[in-house]
Amino acid sequence: MKALLLTLLLVVSVFIDTGHTLRCYTCRSKTCNESKQCKKRDNICYIMLASFNSGMKLLRGCSKLCPIQKTPVIMNCCNTDRCNDILQTH
């Protein structure tokens, strides 16, 4: 009986959805080559090139929604693992 219960528990645990969390590049520099696992609620990767008084900055990260553009900016949002590696403008 214990063996049957243990087997059943093992089979059920295999089919439980552990969920997939997105992986995005997250950094504030041009030399960004490491990705990190986003929080479970974040389902967007973004990359933006923003113009500040101090100059242009490249920002990458995870977000729940595509960030709102408040400064002169080129923005790209996507929703697959490590999709924010290159700024795409179309």
PDB file of N, CA and C in Angstrom:
ATOM      1  N   MET A   1       0.826  -1.188   0.000  1.00  0.00           N
ATOM      2  CA  MET A   1       0.000   0.000   0.000  1.00  0.00           C
ATOM      3  C   MET A   1       0.875   1.258   0.000  1.00  0.00           C
ATOM      4  N   LYS A   2       1.938   1.262   0.835  1.00  0.00           N
ATOM      5  CA  LYS A   2       2.825   2.423   0.874  1.00  0.00           C
ATOM      6  C   LYS A   2       3.557   2.592  -0.455  1.00  0.00           C
ATOM      7  N   ALA A   3       3.930   1.475  -1.071  1.00  0.00           N
ATOM      8  CA  ALA A   3       4.623   1.542  -2.358  1.00  0.00           C
ATOM      9  C   ALA A   3       3.712   2.131  -3.432  1.00  0.00           C
ATOM     10  N   LEU A   4       2.437   1.761  -3.419  1.00  0.00           N
ATOM     11  CA  LEU A   4       1.472   2.292  -4.382  1.00  0.00           C
ATOM     12  C   LEU A   4       1.290   3.796  -4.183  1.00  0.00           C
ATOM     13  N   LEU A   5       1.179   4.224  -2.940  1.00  0.00           N
ATOM     14  CA  LEU A   5       1.018   5.641  -2.629  1.00  0.00           C
ATOM     15  C   LEU A   5       2.255   6.437  -3.057  1.00  0.00           C
ATOM     16  N   LEU A   6       3.419   5.892  -2.804  1.00  0.00           N
ATOM     17  CA  LEU A   6       4.663   6.551  -3.191  1.00  0.00           C
ATOM     18  C   LEU A   6       4.774   6.654  -4.710  1.00  0.00           C
ATOM     19  N   THR A   7       4.407   5.604  -5.413  1.00  0.00           N
ATOM     20  CA  THR A   7       4.428   5.613  -6.874  1.00  0.00           C
ATOM     21  C   THR A   7       3.452   6.640  -7.425  1.00  0.00           C
ATOM     22  N   LEU A   8       2.256   6.692  -6.874  1.00  0.00           N
ATOM     23  CA  LEU A   8       1.250   7.650  -7.303  1.00  0.00           C
ATOM     24  C   LEU A   8       1.733   9.086  -7.068  1.00  0.00           C
ATOM     25  N   LEU A   9       2.332   9.330  -5.933  1.00  0.00           N
ATOM     26  CA  LEU A   9       2.864  10.650  -5.612  1.00  0.00           C
ATOM     27  C   LEU A   9       3.966  11.053  -6.592  1.00  0.00           C
ATOM     28  N   LEU A  10       4.813  10.121  -6.941  1.00  0.00           N
ATOM     29  CA  LEU A  10       5.887  10.383  -7.889  1.00  0.00           C
ATOM     30  C   LEU A  10       5.329  10.719  -9.270  1.00  0.00           C
ATOM     31  N   VAL A  11       4.342   9.975  -9.730  1.00  0.00           N
ATOM     32  CA  VAL A  11       3.731  10.214 -11.042  1.00  0.00           C
ATOM     33  C   VAL A  11       3.049  11.579 -11.078  1.00  0.00           C
ATOM     34  N   VAL A  12       2.323  11.925 -10.034  1.00  0.00           N
ATOM     35  CA  VAL A  12       1.634  13.215  -9.975  1.00  0.00           C
ATOM     36  C   VAL A  12       2.644  14.358  -9.964  1.00  0.00           C
ATOM     37  N   SER A  13       3.739  14.208  -9.249  1.00  0.00           N
ATOM     38  CA  SER A  13       4.728  15.286  -9.171  1.00  0.00           C
ATOM     39  C   SER A  13       5.385  15.549 -10.522  1.00  0.00           C
ATOM     40  N   VAL A  14       5.470  14.552 -11.375  1.00  0.00           N
ATOM     41  CA  VAL A  14       6.049  14.729 -12.703  1.00  0.00           C
ATOM     42  C   VAL A  14       5.160  15.615 -13.564  1.00  0.00           C
ATOM     43  N   PHE A  15       3.850  15.516 -13.384  1.00  0.00           N
ATOM     44  CA  PHE A  15       2.915  16.252 -14.222  1.00  0.00           C
ATOM     45  C   PHE A  15       2.503  17.606 -13.660  1.00  0.00           C
ATOM     46  N   ILE A  16       2.977  17.977 -12.510  1.00  0.00           N
ATOM     47  CA  ILE A  16       2.655  19.287 -11.949  1.00  0.00           C
ATOM     48  C   ILE A  16       3.442  20.343 -12.713  1.00  0.00           C
ATOM     49  N   ASP A  17       2.757  21.383 -13.145  1.00  0.00           N
ATOM     50  CA  ASP A  17       3.394  22.469 -13.879  1.00  0.00           C
ATOM     51  C   ASP A  17       4.169  23.346 -12.904  1.00  0.00           C
ATOM     52  N   THR A  18       5.475  23.385 -13.081  1.00  0.00           N
ATOM     53  CA  THR A  18       6.295  24.219 -12.214  1.00  0.00           C
ATOM     54  C   THR A  18       6.328  25.658 -12.713  1.00  0.00           C
ATOM     55  N   GLY A  19       5.850  25.873 -13.921  1.00  0.00           N
ATOM     56  CA  GLY A  19       5.814  27.219 -14.479  1.00  0.00           C
ATOM     57  C   GLY A  19       7.158  27.611 -15.054  1.00  0.00           C
ATOM     58  N   HIS A  20       7.100  28.400 -16.081  1.00  0.00           N
ATOM     59  CA  HIS A  20       8.319  28.885 -16.726  1.00  0.00           C
ATOM     60  C   HIS A  20       8.441  30.371 -16.460  1.00  0.00           C
ATOM     61  N   THR A  21       9.581  30.790 -15.996  1.00  0.00           N
ATOM     62  CA  THR A  21       9.814  32.219 -15.845  1.00  0.00           C
ATOM     63  C   THR A  21      10.774  32.666 -16.937  1.00  0.00           C
ATOM     64  N   LEU A  22      10.528  33.825 -17.426  1.00  0.00           N
ATOM     65  CA  LEU A  22      11.268  34.403 -18.534  1.00  0.00           C
ATOM     66  C   LEU A  22      12.697  34.750 -18.119  1.00  0.00           C
ATOM     67  N   ARG A  23      13.631  34.615 -19.048  1.00  0.00           N
ATOM     68  CA  ARG A  23      15.018  35.047 -18.836  1.00  0.00           C
ATOM     69  C   ARG A  23      15.285  36.222 -19.768  1.00  0.00           C
ATOM     70  N   CYS A  24      15.782  37.317 -19.196  1.00  0.00           N
ATOM     71  CA  CYS A  24      16.086  38.530 -19.969  1.00  0.00           C
ATOM     72  C   CYS A  24      17.478  39.031 -19.614  1.00  0.00           C
ATOM     73  N   TYR A  25      18.077  39.740 -20.573  1.00  0.00           N
ATOM     74  CA  TYR A  25      19.292  40.473 -20.251  1.00  0.00           C
ATOM     75  C   TYR A  25      18.880  41.664 -19.398  1.00  0.00           C
ATOM     76  N   THR A  26      19.574  41.883 -18.307  1.00  0.00           N
ATOM     77  CA  THR A  26      19.242  42.968 -17.388  1.00  0.00           C
ATOM     78  C   THR A  26      20.519  43.714 -17.046  1.00  0.00           C
ATOM     79  N   CYS A  27      20.635  44.926 -17.580  1.00  0.00           N
ATOM     80  CA  CYS A  27      21.839  45.709 -17.316  1.00  0.00           C
ATOM     81  C   CYS A  27      21.625  47.144 -17.756  1.00  0.00           C
ATOM     82  N   ARG A  28      22.613  47.940 -17.469  1.00  0.00           N
ATOM     83  CA  ARG A  28      22.577  49.357 -17.837  1.00  0.00           C
ATOM     84  C   ARG A  28      23.870  49.746 -18.552  1.00  0.00           C
ATOM     85  N   SER A  29      24.359  48.860 -19.409  1.00  0.00           N
ATOM     86  CA  SER A  29      25.576  49.172 -20.157  1.00  0.00           C
ATOM     87  C   SER A  29      25.552  48.442 -21.495  1.00  0.00           C
ATOM     88  N   LYS A  30      26.456  48.803 -22.382  1.00  0.00           N
ATOM     89  CA  LYS A  30      26.515  48.181 -23.705  1.00  0.00           C
ATOM     90  C   LYS A  30      27.076  46.769 -23.641  1.00  0.00           C
ATOM     91  N   THR A  31      27.891  46.483 -22.650  1.00  0.00           N
ATOM     92  CA  THR A  31      28.531  45.172 -22.547  1.00  0.00           C
ATOM     93  C   THR A  31      27.711  44.249 -21.655  1.00  0.00           C
ATOM     94  N   CYS A  32      26.513  43.972 -22.075  1.00  0.00           N
ATOM     95  CA  CYS A  32      25.593  43.133 -21.298  1.00  0.00           C
ATOM     96  C   CYS A  32      25.576  41.743 -21.918  1.00  0.00           C
ATOM     97  N   ASN A  33      26.169  40.773 -21.263  1.00  0.00           N
ATOM     98  CA  ASN A  33      26.210  39.434 -21.840  1.00  0.00           C
ATOM     99  C   ASN A  33      25.697  38.360 -20.887  1.00  0.00           C
ATOM    100  N   GLU A  34      25.081  38.753 -19.787  1.00  0.00           N
ATOM    101  CA  GLU A  34      24.501  37.785 -18.859  1.00  0.00           C
ATOM    102  C   GLU A  34      23.009  38.030 -18.737  1.00  0.00           C
ATOM    103  N   SER A  35      22.264  36.929 -18.680  1.00  0.00           N
ATOM    104  CA  SER A  35      20.819  37.060 -18.500  1.00  0.00           C
ATOM    105  C   SER A  35      20.452  36.643 -17.085  1.00  0.00           C
ATOM    106  N   LYS A  36      19.285  37.079 -16.650  1.00  0.00           N
ATOM    107  CA  LYS A  36      18.818  36.673 -15.330  1.00  0.00           C
ATOM    108  C   LYS A  36      17.379  36.200 -15.450  1.00  0.00           C
ATOM    109  N   GLN A  37      16.986  35.395 -14.498  1.00  0.00           N
ATOM    110  CA  GLN A  37      15.617  34.911 -14.455  1.00  0.00           C
ATOM    111  C   GLN A  37      14.738  36.020 -13.886  1.00  0.00           C
ATOM    112  N   CYS A  38      13.675  36.339 -14.617  1.00  0.00           N
ATOM    113  CA  CYS A  38      12.770  37.404 -14.190  1.00  0.00           C
ATOM    114  C   CYS A  38      11.858  36.903 -13.075  1.00  0.00           C
ATOM    115  N   LYS A  39      11.226  37.836 -12.397  1.00  0.00           N
ATOM    116  CA  LYS A  39      10.210  37.468 -11.415  1.00  0.00           C
ATOM    117  C   LYS A  39       9.042  36.832 -12.152  1.00  0.00           C
ATOM    118  N   LYS A  40       8.303  35.999 -11.470  1.00  0.00           N
ATOM    119  CA  LYS A  40       7.215  35.257 -12.103  1.00  0.00           C
ATOM    120  C   LYS A  40       6.182  36.182 -12.750  1.00  0.00           C
ATOM    121  N   ARG A  41       5.944  37.355 -12.167  1.00  0.00           N
ATOM    122  CA  ARG A  41       4.933  38.272 -12.707  1.00  0.00           C
ATOM    123  C   ARG A  41       5.418  39.008 -13.958  1.00  0.00           C
ATOM    124  N   ASP A  42       6.734  39.036 -14.191  1.00  0.00           N
ATOM    125  CA  ASP A  42       7.296  39.751 -15.341  1.00  0.00           C
ATOM    126  C   ASP A  42       7.273  38.862 -16.575  1.00  0.00           C
ATOM    127  N   ASN A  43       6.554  39.290 -17.605  1.00  0.00           N
ATOM    128  CA  ASN A  43       6.457  38.484 -18.821  1.00  0.00           C
ATOM    129  C   ASN A  43       6.935  39.244 -20.054  1.00  0.00           C
ATOM    130  N   ILE A  44       7.672  40.332 -19.832  1.00  0.00           N
ATOM    131  CA  ILE A  44       8.202  41.140 -20.927  1.00  0.00           C
ATOM    132  C   ILE A  44       9.697  41.378 -20.697  1.00  0.00           C
ATOM    133  N   CYS A  45      10.484  41.221 -21.765  1.00  0.00           N
ATOM    134  CA  CYS A  45      11.870  41.691 -21.777  1.00  0.00           C
ATOM    135  C   CYS A  45      11.862  42.997 -22.562  1.00  0.00           C
ATOM    136  N   TYR A  46      12.656  43.955 -22.139  1.00  0.00           N
ATOM    137  CA  TYR A  46      12.733  45.199 -22.902  1.00  0.00           C
ATOM    138  C   TYR A  46      14.183  45.604 -23.107  1.00  0.00           C
ATOM    139  N   ILE A  47      14.374  46.369 -24.155  1.00  0.00           N
ATOM    140  CA  ILE A  47      15.657  47.011 -24.416  1.00  0.00           C
ATOM    141  C   ILE A  47      15.323  48.412 -24.907  1.00  0.00           C
ATOM    142  N   MET A  48      15.973  49.406 -24.344  1.00  0.00           N
ATOM    143  CA  MET A  48      15.708  50.774 -24.786  1.00  0.00           C
ATOM    144  C   MET A  48      16.996  51.571 -24.868  1.00  0.00           C
ATOM    145  N   LEU A  49      17.005  52.442 -25.840  1.00  0.00           N
ATOM    146  CA  LEU A  49      18.085  53.391 -26.001  1.00  0.00           C
ATOM    147  C   LEU A  49      17.480  54.747 -25.688  1.00  0.00           C
ATOM    148  N   ALA A  50      17.888  55.339 -24.577  1.00  0.00           N
ATOM    149  CA  ALA A  50      17.276  56.581 -24.105  1.00  0.00           C
ATOM    150  C   ALA A  50      18.285  57.722 -24.141  1.00  0.00           C
ATOM    151  N   SER A  51      17.780  58.895 -24.422  1.00  0.00           N
ATOM    152  CA  SER A  51      18.606  60.098 -24.459  1.00  0.00           C
ATOM    153  C   SER A  51      18.387  60.894 -23.177  1.00  0.00           C
ATOM    154  N   PHE A  52      19.457  61.078 -22.424  1.00  0.00           N
ATOM    155  CA  PHE A  52      19.428  61.868 -21.201  1.00  0.00           C
ATOM    156  C   PHE A  52      20.379  63.049 -21.366  1.00  0.00           C
ATOM    157  N   ASN A  53      20.326  63.993 -20.444  1.00  0.00           N
ATOM    158  CA  ASN A  53      21.252  65.133 -20.486  1.00  0.00           C
ATOM    159  C   ASN A  53      22.703  64.668 -20.474  1.00  0.00           C
ATOM    160  N   SER A  54      22.958  63.556 -19.807  1.00  0.00           N
ATOM    161  CA  SER A  54      24.320  63.027 -19.701  1.00  0.00           C
ATOM    162  C   SER A  54      24.729  62.200 -20.919  1.00  0.00           C
ATOM    163  N   GLY A  55      23.807  62.003 -21.864  1.00  0.00           N
ATOM    164  CA  GLY A  55      24.117  61.233 -23.064  1.00  0.00           C
ATOM    165  C   GLY A  55      23.141  60.088 -23.273  1.00  0.00           C
ATOM    166  N   MET A  56      23.486  59.208 -24.202  1.00  0.00           N
ATOM    167  CA  MET A  56      22.636  58.060 -24.530  1.00  0.00           C
ATOM    168  C   MET A  56      22.940  56.906 -23.576  1.00  0.00           C
ATOM    169  N   LYS A  57      21.899  56.190 -23.186  1.00  0.00           N
ATOM    170  CA  LYS A  57      22.074  55.019 -22.325  1.00  0.00           C
ATOM    171  C   LYS A  57      21.277  53.858 -22.893  1.00  0.00           C
ATOM    172  N   LEU A  58      21.874  52.670 -22.841  1.00  0.00           N
ATOM    173  CA  LEU A  58      21.215  51.442 -23.245  1.00  0.00           C
ATOM    174  C   LEU A  58      20.761  50.722 -21.989  1.00  0.00           C
ATOM    175  N   LEU A  59      19.478  50.453 -21.880  1.00  0.00           N
ATOM    176  CA  LEU A  59      18.905  49.798 -20.703  1.00  0.00           C
ATOM    177  C   LEU A  59      18.202  48.523 -21.133  1.00  0.00           C
ATOM    178  N   ARG A  60      18.373  47.463 -20.368  1.00  0.00           N
ATOM    179  CA  ARG A  60      17.697  46.188 -20.634  1.00  0.00           C
ATOM    180  C   ARG A  60      17.151  45.644 -19.328  1.00  0.00           C
ATOM    181  N   GLY A  61      16.029  44.919 -19.407  1.00  0.00           N
ATOM    182  CA  GLY A  61      15.498  44.336 -18.191  1.00  0.00           C
ATOM    183  C   GLY A  61      14.211  43.572 -18.381  1.00  0.00           C
ATOM    184  N   CYS A  62      13.614  43.197 -17.245  1.00  0.00           N
ATOM    185  CA  CYS A  62      12.343  42.478 -17.164  1.00  0.00           C
ATOM    186  C   CYS A  62      11.262  43.460 -16.728  1.00  0.00           C
ATOM    187  N   SER A  63      10.046  43.211 -17.161  1.00  0.00           N
ATOM    188  CA  SER A  63       8.953  44.077 -16.753  1.00  0.00           C
ATOM    189  C   SER A  63       7.626  43.341 -16.884  1.00  0.00           C
ATOM    190  N   LYS A  64       6.652  43.807 -16.139  1.00  0.00           N
ATOM    191  CA  LYS A  64       5.299  43.262 -16.245  1.00  0.00           C
ATOM    192  C   LYS A  64       4.639  43.759 -17.531  1.00  0.00           C
ATOM    193  N   LEU A  65       4.905  45.023 -17.864  1.00  0.00           N
ATOM    194  CA  LEU A  65       4.387  45.660 -19.075  1.00  0.00           C
ATOM    195  C   LEU A  65       5.535  46.350 -19.791  1.00  0.00           C
ATOM    196  N   CYS A  66       5.338  46.652 -21.057  1.00  0.00           N
ATOM    197  CA  CYS A  66       6.344  47.407 -21.794  1.00  0.00           C
ATOM    198  C   CYS A  66       6.442  48.798 -21.160  1.00  0.00           C
ATOM    199  N   PRO A  67       7.636  49.234 -20.740  1.00  0.00           N
ATOM    200  CA  PRO A  67       7.769  50.524 -20.054  1.00  0.00           C
ATOM    201  C   PRO A  67       7.261  51.692 -20.897  1.00  0.00           C
ATOM    202  N   ILE A  68       6.696  52.675 -20.226  1.00  0.00           N
ATOM    203  CA  ILE A  68       6.192  53.878 -20.885  1.00  0.00           C
ATOM    204  C   ILE A  68       7.377  54.766 -21.250  1.00  0.00           C
ATOM    205  N   GLN A  69       7.340  55.314 -22.436  1.00  0.00           N
ATOM    206  CA  GLN A  69       8.426  56.154 -22.923  1.00  0.00           C
ATOM    207  C   GLN A  69       8.194  57.598 -22.500  1.00  0.00           C
ATOM    208  N   LYS A  70       9.067  58.122 -21.643  1.00  0.00           N
ATOM    209  CA  LYS A  70       8.923  59.499 -21.160  1.00  0.00           C
ATOM    210  C   LYS A  70       9.975  60.432 -21.748  1.00  0.00           C
ATOM    211  N   THR A  71      11.094  59.894 -22.186  1.00  0.00           N
ATOM    212  CA  THR A  71      12.156  60.707 -22.775  1.00  0.00           C
ATOM    213  C   THR A  71      12.331  60.263 -24.222  1.00  0.00           C
ATOM    214  N   PRO A  72      13.062  61.032 -25.026  1.00  0.00           N
ATOM    215  CA  PRO A  72      13.341  60.551 -26.386  1.00  0.00           C
ATOM    216  C   PRO A  72      14.003  59.175 -26.301  1.00  0.00           C
ATOM    217  N   VAL A  73      13.358  58.184 -26.908  1.00  0.00           N
ATOM    218  CA  VAL A  73      13.793  56.813 -26.677  1.00  0.00           C
ATOM    219  C   VAL A  73      13.446  55.924 -27.867  1.00  0.00           C
ATOM    220  N   ILE A  74      14.265  54.913 -28.065  1.00  0.00           N
ATOM    221  CA  ILE A  74      13.942  53.825 -28.987  1.00  0.00           C
ATOM    222  C   ILE A  74      13.698  52.617 -28.102  1.00  0.00           C
ATOM    223  N   MET A  75      12.536  51.992 -28.250  1.00  0.00           N
ATOM    224  CA  MET A  75      12.118  50.924 -27.334  1.00  0.00           C
ATOM    225  C   MET A  75      11.743  49.672 -28.118  1.00  0.00           C
ATOM    226  N   ASN A  76      12.098  48.524 -27.572  1.00  0.00           N
ATOM    227  CA  ASN A  76      11.648  47.248 -28.115  1.00  0.00           C
ATOM    228  C   ASN A  76      11.280  46.348 -26.943  1.00  0.00           C
ATOM    229  N   CYS A  77      10.087  45.769 -26.992  1.00  0.00           N
ATOM    230  CA  CYS A  77       9.635  44.811 -25.979  1.00  0.00           C
ATOM    231  C   CYS A  77       9.364  43.480 -26.657  1.00  0.00           C
ATOM    232  N   CYS A  78       9.628  42.391 -25.944  1.00  0.00           N
ATOM    233  CA  CYS A  78       9.439  41.055 -26.497  1.00  0.00           C
ATOM    234  C   CYS A  78       9.121  40.095 -25.349  1.00  0.00           C
ATOM    235  N   ASN A  79       8.773  38.860 -25.668  1.00  0.00           N
ATOM    236  CA  ASN A  79       8.326  37.953 -24.606  1.00  0.00           C
ATOM    237  C   ASN A  79       8.877  36.539 -24.720  1.00  0.00           C
ATOM    238  N   THR A  80      10.082  36.395 -25.253  1.00  0.00           N
ATOM    239  CA  THR A  80      10.731  35.085 -25.268  1.00  0.00           C
ATOM    240  C   THR A  80      12.083  35.198 -24.562  1.00  0.00           C
ATOM    241  N   ASP A  81      12.610  34.075 -24.122  1.00  0.00           N
ATOM    242  CA  ASP A  81      13.873  34.077 -23.383  1.00  0.00           C
ATOM    243  C   ASP A  81      14.984  34.797 -24.153  1.00  0.00           C
ATOM    244  N   ARG A  82      15.652  35.703 -23.460  1.00  0.00           N
ATOM    245  CA  ARG A  82      16.824  36.440 -23.963  1.00  0.00           C
ATOM    246  C   ARG A  82      16.557  37.161 -25.284  1.00  0.00           C
ATOM    247  N   CYS A  83      15.331  37.579 -25.499  1.00  0.00           N
ATOM    248  CA  CYS A  83      14.978  38.244 -26.760  1.00  0.00           C
ATOM    249  C   CYS A  83      15.432  39.693 -26.802  1.00  0.00           C
ATOM    250  N   ASN A  84      15.907  40.241 -25.694  1.00  0.00           N
ATOM    251  CA  ASN A  84      16.324  41.644 -25.662  1.00  0.00           C
ATOM    252  C   ASN A  84      17.837  41.795 -25.804  1.00  0.00           C
ATOM    253  N   ASP A  85      18.429  40.941 -26.635  1.00  0.00           N
ATOM    254  CA  ASP A  85      19.878  41.021 -26.818  1.00  0.00           C
ATOM    255  C   ASP A  85      20.278  42.082 -27.836  1.00  0.00           C
ATOM    256  N   ILE A  86      19.428  42.360 -28.830  1.00  0.00           N
ATOM    257  CA  ILE A  86      19.756  43.331 -29.872  1.00  0.00           C
ATOM    258  C   ILE A  86      18.589  44.290 -30.033  1.00  0.00           C
ATOM    259  N   LEU A  87      18.883  45.559 -30.127  1.00  0.00           N
ATOM    260  CA  LEU A  87      17.850  46.573 -30.350  1.00  0.00           C
ATOM    261  C   LEU A  87      17.389  46.481 -31.798  1.00  0.00           C
ATOM    262  N   GLN A  88      16.124  46.156 -31.994  1.00  0.00           N
ATOM    263  CA  GLN A  88      15.565  46.025 -33.342  1.00  0.00           C
ATOM    264  C   GLN A  88      14.614  47.177 -33.590  1.00  0.00           C
ATOM    265  N   THR A  89      14.817  47.871 -34.669  1.00  0.00           N
ATOM    266  CA  THR A  89      13.908  48.955 -35.033  1.00  0.00           C
ATOM    267  C   THR A  89      13.338  48.652 -36.404  1.00  0.00           C
ATOM    268  N   HIS A  90      12.030  48.517 -36.483  1.00  0.00           N
ATOM    269  CA  HIS A  90      11.381  48.297 -37.777  1.00  0.00           C
ATOM    270  C   HIS A  90      10.253  49.264 -37.880  1.00  0.00           C
TER     271      HIS A  90
END
